[in-house]
Amino acid sequence: MGAAESWIAVKGLSTEEFLKALSVKKTGNTSEIHDWDWSYVDLQNGWQVISCINGEKFLPEDKVLMRRLSCSAEATITGCIEEHVMFSGAYGWSQGRKVWTCEHDSNKGPEHLRAEGQTPDCLDEAKREIAALSAGSKFTDVDYVFDIPVSVSMKICGYGSYTQPYELGFDAFEELQRA
């Protein structure tokens, strides 16, 4: 079984509004690693992230939440990984609608990548980086394309799955619980 994580990153929204929108609150516990089902982190670059692991809630599928957040925030990104099926995705939202999609589904082939809408410029950069990594690898059975949507999220807001605060120099994750 592999990791499962989904996240929402917002820019230009107060922490209180962000937490309230997801009906969560801080517990006061912090950690340098993502230890809890629900976590919050301020990336200190204008972006804040709420992350959910272990599949409790698949955040990118909550279209009502995403519409509401993207109407209030300056920018909104959601992403996910499901390692047990090798699915990854990143999605950009603005003014109540999804404006771009970047998804990899290994069930549709090892090179599958669906990119739709007004995709961010960094998508091409992420594809080039992954192609170079793949070309230079002696491992032929690695699903490198899986990392492209995660890389896109990381390039835009500074967060992608596996992000650890100590690697990027921002504060620790904060545990969240249902409000």
Protein backbone atom coordinates (compact mmCIF):
# COMPACT_ATOMS: atom_id res chain seq x y z
CA MET A 1 0.00 0.00 0.00
CA GLY A 2 1.33 3.44 -0.84
CA ALA A 3 0.83 6.93 0.47
CA ALA A 4 -2.33 8.90 -0.12
CA GLU A 5 -2.44 12.64 0.34
CA SER A 6 -4.50 15.56 -0.88
CA TRP A 7 -3.90 19.24 -0.25
CA ILE A 8 -5.29 22.68 -0.83
CA ALA A 9 -2.97 25.68 -1.11
CA VAL A 10 -4.35 29.21 -1.00
CA LYS A 11 -2.82 32.63 -1.41
CA GLY A 12 -4.44 35.85 -0.25
CA LEU A 13 -6.82 34.39 2.35
CA SER A 14 -6.57 34.78 6.11
CA THR A 15 -5.67 31.70 8.12
CA GLU A 16 -8.96 31.97 10.01
CA GLU A 17 -11.00 32.01 6.78
CA PHE A 18 -9.03 29.07 5.38
CA LEU A 19 -9.47 26.90 8.48
CA LYS A 20 -13.15 27.80 8.78
CA ALA A 21 -13.80 26.87 5.13
CA LEU A 22 -12.59 23.34 5.84
CA SER A 23 -14.24 23.17 9.29
CA VAL A 24 -10.95 22.49 11.06
CA LYS A 25 -9.01 24.10 13.90
CA LYS A 26 -5.44 23.97 15.16
CA THR A 27 -4.69 21.71 18.13
CA GLY A 28 -1.43 23.39 19.15
CA ASN A 29 0.69 20.35 18.25
CA THR A 30 3.53 20.85 15.75
CA SER A 31 5.95 18.58 13.96
CA GLU A 32 8.63 18.82 11.28
CA ILE A 33 6.98 15.90 9.51
CA HIS A 34 3.40 15.38 8.41
CA ASP A 35 2.27 13.14 11.28
CA TRP A 36 -1.50 13.65 11.37
CA ASP A 37 -4.54 13.05 9.20
CA TRP A 38 -5.02 16.82 8.88
CA SER A 39 -2.18 19.36 8.92
CA TYR A 40 -1.70 23.06 8.26
CA VAL A 41 1.44 24.88 7.23
CA ASP A 42 2.19 28.51 6.40
CA LEU A 43 4.81 28.36 3.65
CA GLN A 44 5.90 31.92 4.45
CA ASN A 45 5.76 32.84 0.77
CA GLY A 46 2.15 34.03 0.80
CA TRP A 47 0.77 30.49 0.47
CA GLN A 48 -0.91 28.38 3.17
CA VAL A 49 -1.63 24.65 2.87
CA ILE A 50 -4.05 22.25 4.47
CA SER A 51 -3.10 18.65 3.82
CA CYS A 52 -4.98 15.44 4.44
CA ILE A 53 -3.30 12.05 4.49
CA ASN A 54 -4.66 8.53 4.69
CA GLY A 55 -7.59 9.27 2.40
CA GLU A 56 -9.99 10.68 4.98
CA LYS A 57 -11.13 13.29 2.48
CA PHE A 58 -10.12 13.59 -1.14
CA LEU A 59 -9.90 17.39 -1.30
CA PRO A 60 -9.69 17.90 -5.09
CA GLU A 61 -13.12 16.30 -5.53
CA ASP A 62 -14.89 18.79 -3.25
CA LYS A 63 -16.00 21.16 -5.99
CA VAL A 64 -18.27 23.21 -3.70
CA LEU A 65 -15.36 23.91 -1.36
CA MET A 66 -13.02 24.70 -4.24
CA ARG A 67 -15.50 27.11 -5.84
CA ARG A 68 -15.96 28.94 -2.53
CA LEU A 69 -12.24 29.15 -1.73
CA SER A 70 -11.22 30.23 -5.22
CA CYS A 71 -13.73 33.08 -5.14
CA SER A 72 -12.26 34.35 -1.86
CA ALA A 73 -8.54 33.69 -2.37
CA GLU A 74 -6.13 35.36 -4.76
CA ALA A 75 -4.98 31.93 -5.99
CA THR A 76 -6.00 28.35 -5.18
CA ILE A 77 -4.32 25.06 -6.03
CA THR A 78 -5.33 21.59 -5.02
CA GLY A 79 -3.38 18.41 -5.49
CA CYS A 80 -3.31 14.74 -4.66
CA ILE A 81 -1.37 11.54 -4.82
CA GLU A 82 -2.64 7.97 -4.57
CA GLU A 83 0.50 5.83 -4.71
CA HIS A 84 -1.31 2.50 -4.50
CA VAL A 85 -2.77 3.19 -7.97
CA MET A 86 -0.02 5.62 -9.09
CA PHE A 87 -2.38 8.54 -9.64
CA SER A 88 -1.33 12.16 -9.10
CA GLY A 89 -2.98 15.45 -9.89
CA ALA A 90 -2.69 19.20 -9.52
CA TYR A 91 -5.51 21.63 -10.27
CA GLY A 92 -5.69 25.40 -10.48
CA TRP A 93 -8.85 27.27 -9.50
CA SER A 94 -9.83 30.91 -9.96
CA GLN A 95 -13.05 32.83 -9.44
CA GLY A 96 -15.11 29.74 -8.72
CA ARG A 97 -13.97 27.51 -11.56
CA LYS A 98 -11.24 25.05 -12.32
CA VAL A 99 -8.91 26.74 -14.82
CA TRP A 100 -6.33 24.01 -15.34
CA THR A 101 -5.75 20.32 -14.73
CA CYS A 102 -2.58 18.24 -14.71
CA GLU A 103 -3.09 14.53 -13.99
CA HIS A 104 -1.16 11.29 -14.32
CA ASP A 105 -2.97 7.95 -14.16
CA SER A 106 -0.64 4.99 -14.62
CA ASN A 107 -3.67 2.78 -15.39
CA LYS A 108 -3.83 4.71 -18.66
CA GLY A 109 -0.18 4.01 -19.43
CA PRO A 110 3.24 4.92 -18.02
CA GLU A 111 3.48 8.10 -20.10
CA HIS A 112 -0.11 9.25 -19.49
CA LEU A 113 -0.40 12.95 -18.68
CA ARG A 114 -3.64 14.88 -19.03
CA ALA A 115 -3.11 18.64 -19.15
CA GLU A 116 -6.13 20.79 -19.84
CA GLY A 117 -7.14 24.42 -19.59
CA GLN A 118 -4.85 27.38 -19.00
CA THR A 119 -1.96 25.26 -17.77
CA PRO A 120 0.79 27.09 -15.90
CA ASP A 121 4.08 27.82 -17.67
CA CYS A 122 5.94 25.66 -15.17
CA LEU A 123 4.25 22.53 -16.58
CA ASP A 124 6.64 22.50 -19.54
CA GLU A 125 9.59 22.95 -17.19
CA ALA A 126 8.38 20.06 -14.99
CA LYS A 127 7.99 17.83 -18.05
CA ARG A 128 11.52 18.64 -19.24
CA GLU A 129 12.99 17.94 -15.81
CA ILE A 130 11.21 14.60 -15.49
CA ALA A 131 12.18 13.61 -19.05
CA ALA A 132 15.83 14.37 -18.26
CA LEU A 133 15.63 12.40 -15.02
CA SER A 134 14.02 9.45 -16.78
CA ALA A 135 16.48 9.50 -19.68
CA GLY A 136 19.43 9.47 -17.32
CA SER A 137 18.13 6.63 -15.16
CA LYS A 138 19.13 3.01 -15.31
CA PHE A 139 15.73 2.11 -13.82
CA THR A 140 13.22 1.42 -16.59
CA ASP A 141 10.28 0.46 -14.38
CA VAL A 142 10.01 3.75 -12.45
CA ASP A 143 6.89 5.86 -13.01
CA TYR A 144 8.60 9.23 -13.38
CA VAL A 145 5.54 10.93 -14.94
CA PHE A 146 3.78 10.49 -11.57
CA ASP A 147 5.93 13.34 -10.24
CA ILE A 148 4.93 15.92 -12.87
CA PRO A 149 1.67 17.15 -11.23
CA VAL A 150 3.39 17.23 -7.82
CA SER A 151 6.26 19.22 -9.34
CA VAL A 152 3.81 21.71 -10.87
CA SER A 153 2.20 22.32 -7.47
CA MET A 154 5.62 22.67 -5.88
CA LYS A 155 6.80 25.18 -8.49
CA ILE A 156 3.71 27.37 -8.09
CA CYS A 157 3.14 27.46 -4.35
CA GLY A 158 6.09 25.66 -2.75
CA TYR A 159 4.15 22.57 -1.67
CA GLY A 160 3.84 19.13 -3.16
CA SER A 161 3.42 15.74 -1.61
CA TYR A 162 6.40 14.69 0.50
CA THR A 163 7.19 18.33 1.31
CA GLN A 164 8.89 18.63 4.67
CA PRO A 165 9.26 22.04 6.34
CA TYR A 166 12.89 21.53 7.34
CA GLU A 167 13.81 21.01 3.67
CA LEU A 168 12.38 24.35 2.63
CA GLY A 169 13.08 26.48 5.67
CA PHE A 170 9.51 27.15 6.83
CA ASP A 171 7.83 26.42 10.13
CA ALA A 172 6.56 23.03 11.15
CA PHE A 173 3.27 21.42 10.28
CA GLU A 174 0.48 22.13 12.73
CA GLU A 175 -2.03 19.42 13.61
CA LEU A 176 -5.66 20.10 12.76
CA GLN A 177 -8.87 18.55 13.99
CA ARG A 178 -12.51 18.92 13.08
CA ALA A 179 -13.95 22.15 14.44
